């Protein structure tokens, strides 16, 4: 049982490390090369169907995953000297990201902490 508790603590710590790495990289205006949203964070069901990340951490993790997606799609073009996506593909990417953002907002509801996080996520679009 102690091993399970330790493992769940490690998963929670891994989620928080990814959140912090994404936020720091965004703060410096750089795409994150440190975030690794691997199978342990894809779904708690992979770890244990009875284990769930705390709601606040889960919400922040989902927002940081979205932020990572925005960075990679809009600013991760290796063919452009500064990494911007092409003019022709930008409107469709923004449309997709806007839809993803709306889904993220609906999934996480309008909690008090979500308001601040929404402002942070909207900054990426």
Protein backbone atom coordinates (compact mmCIF):
# COMPACT_ATOMS: atom_id res chain seq x y z
CA UNK A 1 0.00 0.00 0.00
CA UNK A 2 2.86 2.41 0.80
CA UNK A 3 4.30 1.67 -2.64
CA UNK A 4 1.00 2.70 -4.27
CA UNK A 5 0.86 5.96 -2.30
CA UNK A 6 4.45 6.71 -3.28
CA UNK A 7 3.71 5.97 -6.95
CA UNK A 8 0.66 8.25 -6.95
CA UNK A 9 2.75 10.99 -5.34
CA UNK A 10 5.31 10.55 -8.12
CA UNK A 11 2.62 10.83 -10.81
CA UNK A 12 1.30 14.02 -9.18
CA UNK A 13 4.85 15.40 -8.98
CA UNK A 14 5.44 14.53 -12.65
CA UNK A 15 2.27 16.40 -13.60
CA UNK A 16 3.36 19.45 -11.61
CA UNK A 17 6.86 19.36 -13.17
CA UNK A 18 5.27 19.42 -16.63
CA UNK A 19 3.02 22.33 -15.62
CA UNK A 20 5.96 24.34 -14.30
CA UNK A 21 8.18 23.57 -17.32
CA UNK A 22 5.45 24.68 -19.73
CA UNK A 23 4.72 27.87 -17.81
CA UNK A 24 8.39 28.82 -17.55
CA UNK A 25 8.99 28.22 -21.25
CA UNK A 26 5.91 30.29 -22.13
CA UNK A 27 7.12 33.04 -19.83
CA UNK A 28 10.33 33.26 -21.81
CA UNK A 29 8.47 33.03 -25.12
CA UNK A 30 10.08 29.75 -26.04
CA UNK A 31 8.52 26.43 -27.03
CA UNK A 32 8.96 23.92 -24.27
CA UNK A 33 11.43 21.15 -24.85
CA UNK A 34 11.12 19.92 -21.28
CA UNK A 35 7.47 18.94 -21.10
CA UNK A 36 6.80 15.26 -21.63
CA UNK A 37 3.10 14.50 -21.59
CA UNK A 38 3.63 10.75 -21.54
CA UNK A 39 1.26 7.89 -20.82
CA UNK A 40 1.27 8.52 -17.08
CA UNK A 41 -0.39 11.88 -17.69
CA UNK A 42 -2.57 10.88 -20.65
CA UNK A 43 -5.18 9.36 -18.39
CA UNK A 44 -5.25 8.38 -14.77
CA UNK A 45 -6.86 5.11 -15.85
CA UNK A 46 -3.48 3.95 -17.17
CA UNK A 47 -1.99 4.38 -13.73
CA UNK A 48 -4.90 3.05 -11.69
CA UNK A 49 -8.63 3.38 -12.38
CA UNK A 50 -9.11 4.39 -8.74
CA UNK A 51 -6.51 7.20 -8.89
CA UNK A 52 -7.34 10.65 -10.16
CA UNK A 53 -5.14 13.72 -10.16
CA UNK A 54 -6.50 16.44 -7.88
CA UNK A 55 -8.93 18.62 -9.88
CA UNK A 56 -6.83 21.79 -9.66
CA UNK A 57 -3.72 20.00 -10.91
CA UNK A 58 -5.69 18.22 -13.62
CA UNK A 59 -7.17 21.54 -14.83
CA UNK A 60 -3.78 23.24 -14.88
CA UNK A 61 -2.25 20.27 -16.69
CA UNK A 62 -4.96 20.35 -19.38
CA UNK A 63 -4.40 24.08 -19.88
CA UNK A 64 -0.64 23.62 -20.15
CA UNK A 65 -1.14 20.79 -22.66
CA UNK A 66 -3.28 23.19 -24.67
CA UNK A 67 -0.64 25.89 -24.37
CA UNK A 68 1.97 23.42 -25.61
CA UNK A 69 -0.27 22.56 -28.57
CA UNK A 70 -0.66 26.26 -29.43
CA UNK A 71 3.09 26.80 -29.27
CA UNK A 72 3.89 23.80 -31.41
CA UNK A 73 1.22 24.46 -34.04
CA UNK A 74 1.59 28.22 -34.43
CA UNK A 75 5.25 28.73 -33.58
CA UNK A 76 6.98 25.43 -34.34
CA UNK A 77 7.50 25.61 -38.10
CA UNK A 78 11.07 24.44 -38.83
CA UNK A 79 10.87 25.90 -42.37
CA UNK A 80 10.37 29.45 -41.11
CA UNK A 81 13.39 31.32 -39.67
CA UNK A 82 11.41 32.44 -36.60
CA UNK A 83 9.17 29.35 -36.42
CA UNK A 84 5.86 30.91 -37.47
CA UNK A 85 3.27 28.79 -39.25
CA UNK A 86 2.43 29.70 -42.83
CA UNK A 87 -0.09 32.42 -43.69
CA UNK A 88 -2.36 29.95 -45.50
CA UNK A 89 -2.54 27.46 -42.65
CA UNK A 90 -2.82 29.98 -39.80
CA UNK A 91 -6.62 30.61 -40.05
CA UNK A 92 -7.47 26.91 -39.99
CA UNK A 93 -5.09 26.27 -37.10
CA UNK A 94 -6.58 29.15 -35.12
CA UNK A 95 -10.07 27.81 -35.82
CA UNK A 96 -9.07 24.36 -34.54
CA UNK A 97 -7.35 25.85 -31.48
CA UNK A 98 -10.36 28.05 -30.72
CA UNK A 99 -12.62 25.01 -30.80
CA UNK A 100 -10.18 23.12 -28.55
CA UNK A 101 -10.13 26.09 -26.17
CA UNK A 102 -13.93 26.19 -25.99
CA UNK A 103 -13.94 22.46 -25.22
CA UNK A 104 -11.28 22.96 -22.55
CA UNK A 105 -13.31 25.75 -20.98
CA UNK A 106 -16.48 23.61 -20.97
CA UNK A 107 -14.67 20.59 -19.55
CA UNK A 108 -13.13 22.56 -16.70
CA UNK A 109 -16.18 24.71 -16.00
CA UNK A 110 -16.05 28.23 -14.67
CA UNK A 111 -14.35 27.66 -11.34
CA UNK A 112 -12.73 30.62 -9.61
CA UNK A 113 -9.23 29.37 -10.40
CA UNK A 114 -10.30 28.64 -13.97
CA UNK A 115 -10.83 32.35 -14.66
CA UNK A 116 -7.15 33.12 -14.20
CA UNK A 117 -6.15 30.00 -16.11
CA UNK A 118 -8.48 30.92 -19.00
CA UNK A 119 -6.76 34.28 -19.32
CA UNK A 120 -3.44 32.44 -19.45
CA UNK A 121 -4.69 29.97 -22.07
CA UNK A 122 -6.33 32.69 -24.20
CA UNK A 123 -2.98 34.44 -24.39
CA UNK A 124 -1.73 31.59 -26.53
CA UNK A 125 -4.36 32.03 -29.24
